[in-house]
PDB file of N, CA and C in Angstrom:
ATOM      1  N   MET A   1     117.761 111.202 126.740  1.00  0.00           N
ATOM      2  CA  MET A   1     116.016 110.829 126.843  1.00  0.00           C
ATOM      3  C   MET A   1     116.125 109.491 126.093  1.00  0.00           C
ATOM      4  N   LYS A   2     114.983 108.766 127.481  1.00  0.00           N
ATOM      5  CA  LYS A   2     114.914 107.232 127.483  1.00  0.00           C
ATOM      6  C   LYS A   2     114.378 106.782 126.103  1.00  0.00           C
ATOM      7  N   LEU A   3     114.528 105.189 126.032  1.00  0.00           N
ATOM      8  CA  LEU A   3     113.955 104.536 124.508  1.00  0.00           C
ATOM      9  C   LEU A   3     113.135 104.865 124.617  1.00  0.00           C
ATOM     10  N   PRO A   4     111.695 104.719 125.312  1.00  0.00           N
ATOM     11  CA  PRO A   4     110.591 104.814 124.524  1.00  0.00           C
ATOM     12  C   PRO A   4     110.081 106.311 124.832  1.00  0.00           C
ATOM     13  N   GLN A   5     110.737 106.821 125.160  1.00  0.00           N
ATOM     14  CA  GLN A   5     110.771 108.597 125.063  1.00  0.00           C
ATOM     15  C   GLN A   5     110.939 109.144 123.144  1.00  0.00           C
ATOM     16  N   LEU A   6     112.039 108.492 122.892  1.00  0.00           N
ATOM     17  CA  LEU A   6     112.660 108.516 121.639  1.00  0.00           C
ATOM     18  C   LEU A   6     111.184 107.937 120.696  1.00  0.00           C
ATOM     19  N   MET A   7     111.356 106.649 120.803  1.00  0.00           N
ATOM     20  CA  MET A   7     109.997 106.219 119.705  1.00  0.00           C
ATOM     21  C   MET A   7     108.776 106.350 119.534  1.00  0.00           C
ATOM     22  N   ASN A   8     108.286 107.560 121.290  1.00  0.00           N
ATOM     23  CA  ASN A   8     106.951 107.509 120.805  1.00  0.00           C
ATOM     24  C   ASN A   8     107.179 109.077 120.063  1.00  0.00           C
ATOM     25  N   ASN A   9     108.442 109.869 120.012  1.00  0.00           N
ATOM     26  CA  ASN A   9     108.200 110.620 119.003  1.00  0.00           C
ATOM     27  C   ASN A   9     109.266 110.555 117.816  1.00  0.00           C
ATOM     28  N   PHE A  10     109.582 109.350 117.773  1.00  0.00           N
ATOM     29  CA  PHE A  10     109.259 108.960 116.232  1.00  0.00           C
ATOM     30  C   PHE A  10     107.987 108.337 115.841  1.00  0.00           C
ATOM     31  N   LEU A  11     107.152 107.863 116.687  1.00  0.00           N
ATOM     32  CA  LEU A  11     106.289 107.395 115.681  1.00  0.00           C
ATOM     33  C   LEU A  11     104.922 109.062 115.800  1.00  0.00           C
ATOM     34  N   GLU A  12     105.727 110.043 116.944  1.00  0.00           N
ATOM     35  CA  GLU A  12     104.692 111.148 116.853  1.00  0.00           C
ATOM     36  C   GLU A  12     105.205 111.849 114.982  1.00  0.00           C
ATOM     37  N   ASN A  13     106.175 112.048 114.806  1.00  0.00           N
ATOM     38  CA  ASN A  13     107.233 112.528 113.368  1.00  0.00           C
ATOM     39  C   ASN A  13     106.237 111.796 113.267  1.00  0.00           C
ATOM     40  N   PHE A  14     106.637 110.323 112.346  1.00  0.00           N
ATOM     41  CA  PHE A  14     106.185 109.348 111.579  1.00  0.00           C
ATOM     42  C   PHE A  14     104.646 109.616 110.701  1.00  0.00           C
ATOM     43  N   TYR A  15     103.884 109.615 112.087  1.00  0.00           N
ATOM     44  CA  TYR A  15     102.263 109.856 111.691  1.00  0.00           C
ATOM     45  C   TYR A  15     101.574 111.473 111.482  1.00  0.00           C
ATOM     46  N   SER A  16     102.698 112.063 111.752  1.00  0.00           N
ATOM     47  CA  SER A  16     102.866 113.650 111.819  1.00  0.00           C
ATOM     48  C   SER A  16     103.109 113.913 110.679  1.00  0.00           C
ATOM     49  N   TYR A  17     103.860 113.077 109.633  1.00  0.00           N
ATOM     50  CA  TYR A  17     104.051 113.618 108.571  1.00  0.00           C
ATOM     51  C   TYR A  17     102.611 112.971 107.267  1.00  0.00           C
ATOM     52  N   PHE A  18     102.544 111.669 107.294  1.00  0.00           N
ATOM     53  CA  PHE A  18     101.312 111.512 106.529  1.00  0.00           C
ATOM     54  C   PHE A  18     100.654 112.326 106.822  1.00  0.00           C
ATOM     55  N   SER A  19      99.920 113.096 108.012  1.00  0.00           N
ATOM     56  CA  SER A  19      99.202 114.094 107.768  1.00  0.00           C
ATOM     57  C   SER A  19      99.739 115.344 107.153  1.00  0.00           C
ATOM     58  N   HIS A  20     100.348 116.022 107.175  1.00  0.00           N
ATOM     59  CA  HIS A  20     100.664 116.648 106.935  1.00  0.00           C
ATOM     60  C   HIS A  20     100.135 116.296 105.045  1.00  0.00           C
ATOM     61  N   SER A  21     101.131 115.098 104.636  1.00  0.00           N
ATOM     62  CA  SER A  21     101.584 115.447 102.931  1.00  0.00           C
ATOM     63  C   SER A  21     100.222 114.763 102.276  1.00  0.00           C
ATOM     64  N   ILE A  22      98.739 114.240 103.206  1.00  0.00           N
ATOM     65  CA  ILE A  22      97.726 114.620 102.547  1.00  0.00           C
ATOM     66  C   ILE A  22      96.617 115.242 103.039  1.00  0.00           C
ATOM     67  N   GLY A  23      97.508 116.393 103.779  1.00  0.00           N
ATOM     68  CA  GLY A  23      96.532 117.787 104.449  1.00  0.00           C
ATOM     69  C   GLY A  23      95.757 117.785 105.260  1.00  0.00           C
ATOM     70  N   GLN A  24      96.009 116.831 106.183  1.00  0.00           N
ATOM     71  CA  GLN A  24      95.170 116.711 106.997  1.00  0.00           C
ATOM     72  C   GLN A  24      95.718 117.259 108.167  1.00  0.00           C
ATOM     73  N   ASN A  25      95.535 118.017 109.245  1.00  0.00           N
ATOM     74  CA  ASN A  25      96.033 118.527 110.512  1.00  0.00           C
ATOM     75  C   ASN A  25      96.225 117.551 110.917  1.00  0.00           C
ATOM     76  N   ALA A  26      97.701 117.160 112.232  1.00  0.00           N
ATOM     77  CA  ALA A  26      98.625 116.397 112.642  1.00  0.00           C
ATOM     78  C   ALA A  26      98.076 115.458 113.747  1.00  0.00           C
ATOM     79  N   ASP A  27      96.377 115.785 114.455  1.00  0.00           N
ATOM     80  CA  ASP A  27      95.896 115.198 115.310  1.00  0.00           C
ATOM     81  C   ASP A  27      95.344 113.541 114.615  1.00  0.00           C
ATOM     82  N   ALA A  28      95.309 113.957 112.798  1.00  0.00           N
ATOM     83  CA  ALA A  28      95.046 113.047 112.096  1.00  0.00           C
ATOM     84  C   ALA A  28      95.792 111.688 111.586  1.00  0.00           C
ATOM     85  N   GLY A  29      97.019 111.534 112.295  1.00  0.00           N
ATOM     86  CA  GLY A  29      98.238 111.644 111.747  1.00  0.00           C
ATOM     87  C   GLY A  29      98.481 109.681 111.904  1.00  0.00           C
ATOM     88  N   GLY A  30      97.731 109.215 112.353  1.00  0.00           N
ATOM     89  CA  GLY A  30      97.629 107.527 112.437  1.00  0.00           C
ATOM     90  C   GLY A  30      96.414 107.369 111.942  1.00  0.00           C
ATOM     91  N   ALA A  31      95.376 108.273 111.609  1.00  0.00           N
ATOM     92  CA  ALA A  31      94.602 107.876 110.696  1.00  0.00           C
ATOM     93  C   ALA A  31      95.058 108.405 108.936  1.00  0.00           C
ATOM     94  N   SER A  32      95.556 109.349 109.022  1.00  0.00           N
ATOM     95  CA  SER A  32      96.558 109.501 107.844  1.00  0.00           C
ATOM     96  C   SER A  32      97.595 108.502 107.335  1.00  0.00           C
ATOM     97  N   PHE A  33      98.459 108.051 108.272  1.00  0.00           N
ATOM     98  CA  PHE A  33      99.075 106.674 107.778  1.00  0.00           C
ATOM     99  C   PHE A  33      98.181 106.194 107.325  1.00  0.00           C
ATOM    100  N   TYR A  34      97.326 105.456 108.175  1.00  0.00           N
ATOM    101  CA  TYR A  34      96.567 104.264 107.599  1.00  0.00           C
ATOM    102  C   TYR A  34      95.206 104.191 106.840  1.00  0.00           C
ATOM    103  N   GLU A  35      95.411 105.758 105.537  1.00  0.00           N
ATOM    104  CA  GLU A  35      94.732 105.723 104.218  1.00  0.00           C
ATOM    105  C   GLU A  35      96.048 105.201 103.367  1.00  0.00           C
ATOM    106  N   ALA A  36      97.057 106.363 103.498  1.00  0.00           N
ATOM    107  CA  ALA A  36      98.126 106.109 103.054  1.00  0.00           C
ATOM    108  C   ALA A  36      98.989 104.664 102.395  1.00  0.00           C
ATOM    109  N   ILE A  37      98.962 104.184 103.787  1.00  0.00           N
ATOM    110  CA  ILE A  37     100.177 103.162 103.564  1.00  0.00           C
ATOM    111  C   ILE A  37      98.714 101.262 104.212  1.00  0.00           C
ATOM    112  N   ILE A  38      98.501 101.798 105.121  1.00  0.00           N
ATOM    113  CA  ILE A  38      97.997 100.421 105.030  1.00  0.00           C
ATOM    114  C   ILE A  38      96.271 100.219 104.800  1.00  0.00           C
ATOM    115  N   LEU A  39      95.348 100.761 103.812  1.00  0.00           N
ATOM    116  CA  LEU A  39      94.489 100.825 102.919  1.00  0.00           C
ATOM    117  C   LEU A  39      95.021 100.174 101.862  1.00  0.00           C
ATOM    118  N   PRO A  40      95.701 100.850 101.585  1.00  0.00           N
ATOM    119  CA  PRO A  40      96.357 100.319  99.836  1.00  0.00           C
ATOM    120  C   PRO A  40      97.078  99.311 100.259  1.00  0.00           C
ATOM    121  N   ALA A  41      97.410  98.440 101.134  1.00  0.00           N
ATOM    122  CA  ALA A  41      98.381  97.850 101.201  1.00  0.00           C
ATOM    123  C   ALA A  41      97.782  96.106 101.300  1.00  0.00           C
ATOM    124  N   MET A  42      95.976  96.414 101.525  1.00  0.00           N
ATOM    125  CA  MET A  42      95.040  95.635 101.592  1.00  0.00           C
ATOM    126  C   MET A  42      94.342  95.345 100.914  1.00  0.00           C
ATOM    127  N   ARG A  43      94.377  96.361  99.742  1.00  0.00           N
ATOM    128  CA  ARG A  43      93.558  96.266  98.372  1.00  0.00           C
ATOM    129  C   ARG A  43      94.658  95.784  97.296  1.00  0.00           C
ATOM    130  N   SER A  44      96.002  96.464  97.320  1.00  0.00           N
ATOM    131  CA  SER A  44      96.585  96.359  96.323  1.00  0.00           C
ATOM    132  C   SER A  44      97.897  94.805  96.347  1.00  0.00           C
ATOM    133  N   GLU A  45      97.405  93.866  95.351  1.00  0.00           N
ATOM    134  CA  GLU A  45      99.101  93.352  96.175  1.00  0.00           C
ATOM    135  C   GLU A  45     100.090  93.722  96.051  1.00  0.00           C
ATOM    136  N   PRO A  46     100.110  94.100  94.485  1.00  0.00           N
ATOM    137  CA  PRO A  46     101.493  94.875  93.714  1.00  0.00           C
ATOM    138  C   PRO A  46     102.406  95.513  95.117  1.00  0.00           C
ATOM    139  N   PHE A  47     101.029  96.240  94.795  1.00  0.00           N
ATOM    140  CA  PHE A  47     101.922  97.536  96.823  1.00  0.00           C
ATOM    141  C   PHE A  47     102.067  97.191  97.942  1.00  0.00           C
ATOM    142  N   ARG A  48     101.482  96.082  98.701  1.00  0.00           N
ATOM    143  CA  ARG A  48     100.985  95.090  99.333  1.00  0.00           C
ATOM    144  C   ARG A  48     103.166  94.142  99.060  1.00  0.00           C
ATOM    145  N   ARG A  49     103.111  94.047  98.195  1.00  0.00           N
ATOM    146  CA  ARG A  49     104.653  93.481  97.494  1.00  0.00           C
ATOM    147  C   ARG A  49     105.753  94.197  98.168  1.00  0.00           C
ATOM    148  N   LYS A  50     105.454  94.972  97.266  1.00  0.00           N
ATOM    149  CA  LYS A  50     106.501  95.744  97.482  1.00  0.00           C
ATOM    150  C   LYS A  50     106.987  96.952  99.214  1.00  0.00           C
ATOM    151  N   LEU A  51     105.503  96.944  99.463  1.00  0.00           N
ATOM    152  CA  LEU A  51     105.132  97.831 101.556  1.00  0.00           C
ATOM    153  C   LEU A  51     106.465  95.892 102.043  1.00  0.00           C
ATOM    154  N   LEU A  52     106.508  94.985 101.998  1.00  0.00           N
ATOM    155  CA  LEU A  52     106.372  93.795 102.571  1.00  0.00           C
ATOM    156  C   LEU A  52     108.008  93.774 102.299  1.00  0.00           C
ATOM    157  N   ASP A  53     108.881  93.959 101.135  1.00  0.00           N
ATOM    158  CA  ASP A  53     110.128  93.218 100.243  1.00  0.00           C
ATOM    159  C   ASP A  53     110.760  95.043 100.400  1.00  0.00           C
ATOM    160  N   ASP A  54     110.520  95.689 100.279  1.00  0.00           N
ATOM    161  CA  ASP A  54     111.068  96.997 100.306  1.00  0.00           C
ATOM    162  C   ASP A  54     110.108  98.391 101.122  1.00  0.00           C
ATOM    163  N   PRO A  55     110.123  98.384 102.264  1.00  0.00           N
ATOM    164  CA  PRO A  55     109.441  99.377 102.976  1.00  0.00           C
ATOM    165  C   PRO A  55     110.190 100.781 102.846  1.00  0.00           C
ATOM    166  N   GLN A  56     111.132 100.720 102.666  1.00  0.00           N
ATOM    167  CA  GLN A  56     112.252 102.465 102.323  1.00  0.00           C
ATOM    168  C   GLN A  56     111.908 102.854 101.758  1.00  0.00           C
ATOM    169  N   ALA A  57     111.525 101.930 100.109  1.00  0.00           N
ATOM    170  CA  ALA A  57     111.106 102.408  99.184  1.00  0.00           C
ATOM    171  C   ALA A  57     110.071 103.287  99.452  1.00  0.00           C
ATOM    172  N   VAL A  58     109.241 101.988  99.568  1.00  0.00           N
ATOM    173  CA  VAL A  58     107.950 102.942  99.901  1.00  0.00           C
ATOM    174  C   VAL A  58     107.253 104.614 100.690  1.00  0.00           C
ATOM    175  N   LEU A  59     108.212 104.435 101.424  1.00  0.00           N
ATOM    176  CA  LEU A  59     108.506 105.264 102.387  1.00  0.00           C
ATOM    177  C   LEU A  59     109.990 106.696 101.558  1.00  0.00           C
ATOM    178  N   THR A  60     110.139 106.278 100.972  1.00  0.00           N
ATOM    179  CA  THR A  60     110.785 107.347 100.464  1.00  0.00           C
ATOM    180  C   THR A  60     109.831 108.052  99.469  1.00  0.00           C
ATOM    181  N   GLU A  61     109.246 106.827  98.337  1.00  0.00           N
ATOM    182  CA  GLU A  61     107.855 107.634  97.068  1.00  0.00           C
ATOM    183  C   GLU A  61     107.033 108.101  97.758  1.00  0.00           C
ATOM    184  N   PHE A  62     107.047 108.438  99.438  1.00  0.00           N
ATOM    185  CA  PHE A  62     106.071 109.056  99.723  1.00  0.00           C
ATOM    186  C   PHE A  62     106.791 110.689 100.458  1.00  0.00           C
ATOM    187  N   GLY A  63     108.132 110.699 100.168  1.00  0.00           N
ATOM    188  CA  GLY A  63     109.004 111.806 101.157  1.00  0.00           C
ATOM    189  C   GLY A  63     109.571 111.640 101.982  1.00  0.00           C
ATOM    190  N   MET A  64     109.479 110.798 102.930  1.00  0.00           N
ATOM    191  CA  MET A  64     109.189 110.112 103.935  1.00  0.00           C
ATOM    192  C   MET A  64     111.254 109.515 103.705  1.00  0.00           C
ATOM    193  N   VAL A  65     112.473 109.829 104.990  1.00  0.00           N
ATOM    194  CA  VAL A  65     113.370 109.483 104.694  1.00  0.00           C
ATOM    195  C   VAL A  65     113.780 109.019 106.496  1.00  0.00           C
ATOM    196  N   LEU A  66     114.997 108.001 106.250  1.00  0.00           N
ATOM    197  CA  LEU A  66     114.752 107.722 107.775  1.00  0.00           C
ATOM    198  C   LEU A  66     115.702 107.974 108.460  1.00  0.00           C
ATOM    199  N   PRO A  67     116.267 108.363 109.410  1.00  0.00           N
ATOM    200  CA  PRO A  67     117.031 108.159 110.388  1.00  0.00           C
ATOM    201  C   PRO A  67     118.599 107.389 109.227  1.00  0.00           C
ATOM    202  N   GLU A  68     119.218 107.340 109.718  1.00  0.00           N
ATOM    203  CA  GLU A  68     120.628 106.770 109.145  1.00  0.00           C
ATOM    204  C   GLU A  68     120.375 105.715 110.421  1.00  0.00           C
ATOM    205  N   GLY A  69     120.564 104.471 109.826  1.00  0.00           N
ATOM    206  CA  GLY A  69     121.040 103.046 111.014  1.00  0.00           C
ATOM    207  C   GLY A  69     119.760 102.844 111.517  1.00  0.00           C
ATOM    208  N   MET A  70     118.426 103.583 111.013  1.00  0.00           N
ATOM    209  CA  MET A  70     117.005 102.420 111.200  1.00  0.00           C
ATOM    210  C   MET A  70     115.968 103.070 110.261  1.00  0.00           C
ATOM    211  N   SER A  71     115.356 101.114 110.697  1.00  0.00           N
ATOM    212  CA  SER A  71     115.134 100.658 109.999  1.00  0.00           C
ATOM    213  C   SER A  71     113.276 100.552 110.063  1.00  0.00           C
ATOM    214  N   VAL A  72     112.514 100.365 109.398  1.00  0.00           N
ATOM    215  CA  VAL A  72     110.532  99.939 109.326  1.00  0.00           C
ATOM    216  C   VAL A  72     110.940  98.353 109.066  1.00  0.00           C
ATOM    217  N   ARG A  73     110.271  98.298 109.383  1.00  0.00           N
ATOM    218  CA  ARG A  73     109.725  96.482 108.308  1.00  0.00           C
ATOM    219  C   ARG A  73     107.886  95.878 109.064  1.00  0.00           C
ATOM    220  N   PHE A  74     107.540  96.283 108.052  1.00  0.00           N
ATOM    221  CA  PHE A  74     106.492  95.740 107.721  1.00  0.00           C
ATOM    222  C   PHE A  74     105.690  94.347 107.978  1.00  0.00           C
ATOM    223  N   LEU A  75     104.852  93.394 108.866  1.00  0.00           N
ATOM    224  CA  LEU A  75     104.921  91.996 109.061  1.00  0.00           C
ATOM    225  C   LEU A  75     103.259  92.359 108.835  1.00  0.00           C
ATOM    226  N   GLU A  76     103.274  91.087 108.356  1.00  0.00           N
ATOM    227  CA  GLU A  76     101.902  90.664 107.316  1.00  0.00           C
ATOM    228  C   GLU A  76     101.417  89.932 108.247  1.00  0.00           C
ATOM    229  N   ASN A  77     100.415  89.916 108.810  1.00  0.00           N
ATOM    230  CA  ASN A  77      99.190  88.882 108.861  1.00  0.00           C
ATOM    231  C   ASN A  77      98.716  88.154 108.516  1.00  0.00           C
ATOM    232  N   THR A  78      97.889  86.417 108.814  1.00  0.00           N
ATOM    233  CA  THR A  78      97.167  85.781 107.401  1.00  0.00           C
ATOM    234  C   THR A  78      96.568  84.672 108.520  1.00  0.00           C
ATOM    235  N   GLU A  79      95.656  84.103 107.630  1.00  0.00           N
ATOM    236  CA  GLU A  79      94.763  83.499 108.376  1.00  0.00           C
ATOM    237  C   GLU A  79      94.719  82.801 109.635  1.00  0.00           C
ATOM    238  N   ASP A  80      96.289  81.956 109.638  1.00  0.00           N
ATOM    239  CA  ASP A  80      96.491  81.257 111.131  1.00  0.00           C
ATOM    240  C   ASP A  80      98.064  82.577 111.672  1.00  0.00           C
ATOM    241  N   THR A  81      98.583  83.299 111.483  1.00  0.00           N
ATOM    242  CA  THR A  81      99.267  83.727 112.255  1.00  0.00           C
ATOM    243  C   THR A  81      99.316  85.603 112.529  1.00  0.00           C
ATOM    244  N   ILE A  82      99.153  85.862 113.766  1.00  0.00           N
ATOM    245  CA  ILE A  82      99.386  87.816 113.460  1.00  0.00           C
ATOM    246  C   ILE A  82     100.249  87.726 114.589  1.00  0.00           C
ATOM    247  N   HIS A  83     100.675  88.698 114.111  1.00  0.00           N
ATOM    248  CA  HIS A  83     102.132  89.238 114.917  1.00  0.00           C
ATOM    249  C   HIS A  83     101.667  90.541 115.789  1.00  0.00           C
ATOM    250  N   ILE A  84     102.291  90.148 117.354  1.00  0.00           N
ATOM    251  CA  ILE A  84     101.308  91.307 118.020  1.00  0.00           C
ATOM    252  C   ILE A  84     102.645  92.004 118.264  1.00  0.00           C
ATOM    253  N   VAL A  85     103.745  93.273 117.407  1.00  0.00           N
ATOM    254  CA  VAL A  85     104.497  93.776 118.085  1.00  0.00           C
ATOM    255  C   VAL A  85     104.849  94.400 119.697  1.00  0.00           C
ATOM    256  N   ILE A  86     106.317  94.428 120.886  1.00  0.00           N
ATOM    257  CA  ILE A  86     106.152  94.750 121.542  1.00  0.00           C
ATOM    258  C   ILE A  86     107.107  95.761 122.048  1.00  0.00           C
ATOM    259  N   PRO A  87     107.313  96.682 122.571  1.00  0.00           N
ATOM    260  CA  PRO A  87     108.167  97.411 122.530  1.00  0.00           C
ATOM    261  C   PRO A  87     109.872  96.422 122.971  1.00  0.00           C
ATOM    262  N   PRO A  88     111.395  97.202 123.021  1.00  0.00           N
ATOM    263  CA  PRO A  88     111.910  96.630 122.999  1.00  0.00           C
ATOM    264  C   PRO A  88     111.995  96.781 125.311  1.00  0.00           C
ATOM    265  N   TYR A  89     112.701  96.085 125.244  1.00  0.00           N
ATOM    266  CA  TYR A  89     113.075  96.362 126.592  1.00  0.00           C
ATOM    267  C   TYR A  89     113.997  97.109 126.900  1.00  0.00           C
ATOM    268  N   VAL A  90     113.653  97.808 127.726  1.00  0.00           N
ATOM    269  CA  VAL A  90     114.120  99.179 128.488  1.00  0.00           C
ATOM    270  C   VAL A  90     114.889  98.629 130.256  1.00  0.00           C
ATOM    271  N   GLY A  91     114.760  97.390 130.566  1.00  0.00           N
ATOM    272  CA  GLY A  91     115.089  97.160 132.351  1.00  0.00           C
ATOM    273  C   GLY A  91     113.719  97.903 132.852  1.00  0.00           C
ATOM    274  N   GLU A  92     114.282  97.712 133.640  1.00  0.00           N
ATOM    275  CA  GLU A  92     113.563  98.233 135.049  1.00  0.00           C
ATOM    276  C   GLU A  92     113.206  99.752 135.300  1.00  0.00           C
TER     277      GLU A  92
END
């Protein structure tokens, strides 16, 4: 399986997990993730700090365990810095 396909599978499973944990259908995965993680990070400074400092702990609190060797990192946009994440290089 090629890297883009692996990443897509991971993200689909990642978002799907939040759909099921919040009681929504799998098609609402991205929205569920937004509601469960992103909105609280925008509204609660303690949650935001914990998410930035120890994302694995936050995900574990939601019952999600990452595969061994994989990590997730959340970045904070500020008034003068915006992060745009691009996929890893896969060659031509």
